[in-house]
Amino acid sequence: MNKNFFRMGLKNIAQSIFFMFLGPTLMFQSLNNKEHPWFLFIFILSILVCLFAIYKGVKGLKNIMNSIFKKN
């Protein structure tokens, strides 16, 4: 088992969890303030944060699986 890949995977999973909460929170706030001039910018940013959370989660799982099952 490669401990460096495992640590990187856990780090990516932790970052993913943070962004999983940040993205929907931003989306909720932007949808509550539709008349604000920055509505569209914050809404698009929240969608990008949600997609980034998915990316980091998949990357973290891939690193964890590679650390456990990949032979040196």
Protein backbone atom coordinates (compact mmCIF):
# COMPACT_ATOMS: atom_id res chain seq x y z
CA MET A 1 0.00 0.00 0.00
CA ASN A 2 1.39 3.37 -1.03
CA LYS A 3 0.82 5.73 1.89
CA ASN A 4 1.55 8.89 -0.10
CA PHE A 5 -1.26 8.19 -2.59
CA PHE A 6 -3.55 7.27 0.30
CA ARG A 7 -2.86 10.58 2.07
CA MET A 8 -3.39 12.53 -1.16
CA GLY A 9 -6.67 10.69 -1.66
CA LEU A 10 -7.89 11.52 1.84
CA LYS A 11 -6.84 15.15 1.35
CA ASN A 12 -8.81 15.33 -1.90
CA ILE A 13 -11.86 13.74 -0.23
CA ALA A 14 -11.69 16.30 2.60
CA GLN A 15 -11.49 19.16 0.11
CA SER A 16 -14.38 17.65 -1.81
CA ILE A 17 -16.55 17.59 1.31
CA PHE A 18 -15.79 21.27 1.91
CA PHE A 19 -16.77 22.18 -1.65
CA MET A 20 -19.87 19.96 -1.44
CA PHE A 21 -21.17 22.27 1.29
CA LEU A 22 -19.91 25.50 -0.24
CA GLY A 23 -21.47 25.01 -3.69
CA PRO A 24 -25.10 24.46 -2.63
CA THR A 25 -24.79 27.22 -0.01
CA LEU A 26 -23.71 29.70 -2.69
CA MET A 27 -26.49 28.48 -4.98
CA PHE A 28 -29.11 28.91 -2.25
CA GLN A 29 -27.91 32.42 -1.48
CA SER A 30 -27.87 33.44 -5.13
CA LEU A 31 -31.37 32.09 -5.74
CA ASN A 32 -32.67 34.04 -2.73
CA ASN A 33 -31.28 37.28 -4.20
CA LYS A 34 -32.36 37.11 -7.84
CA GLU A 35 -32.70 40.88 -8.14
CA HIS A 36 -29.09 41.50 -7.05
CA PRO A 37 -26.76 42.56 -9.88
CA TRP A 38 -24.27 39.79 -9.05
CA PHE A 39 -26.89 37.02 -9.18
CA LEU A 40 -25.71 35.42 -12.43
CA PHE A 41 -22.03 35.52 -11.47
CA ILE A 42 -22.63 33.86 -8.07
CA PHE A 43 -24.99 31.30 -9.60
CA ILE A 44 -22.43 30.27 -12.25
CA LEU A 45 -19.70 30.22 -9.59
CA SER A 46 -21.80 27.91 -7.41
CA ILE A 47 -22.30 25.50 -10.32
CA LEU A 48 -18.55 25.49 -10.97
CA VAL A 49 -17.85 24.84 -7.28
CA CYS A 50 -20.27 21.88 -7.33
CA LEU A 51 -18.54 20.45 -10.41
CA PHE A 52 -15.14 20.97 -8.76
CA ALA A 53 -16.37 19.08 -5.69
CA ILE A 54 -17.33 16.13 -7.89
CA TYR A 55 -13.94 16.25 -9.62
CA LYS A 56 -12.01 16.31 -6.33
CA GLY A 57 -14.11 13.45 -4.95
CA VAL A 58 -13.46 11.24 -7.97
CA LYS A 59 -9.78 12.11 -7.97
CA GLY A 60 -9.56 11.28 -4.26
CA LEU A 61 -11.28 7.93 -4.70
CA LYS A 62 -9.00 7.13 -7.63
CA ASN A 63 -5.91 7.88 -5.53
CA ILE A 64 -7.17 5.74 -2.66
CA MET A 65 -7.97 2.83 -4.97
CA ASN A 66 -4.58 3.10 -6.67
CA SER A 67 -2.79 3.15 -3.32
CA ILE A 68 -4.58 0.00 -2.17
CA PHE A 69 -4.73 -2.14 -5.33
CA LYS A 70 -1.88 -0.97 -7.57
CA LYS A 71 1.27 -3.06 -7.36
CA ASN A 72 4.64 -1.34 -7.20
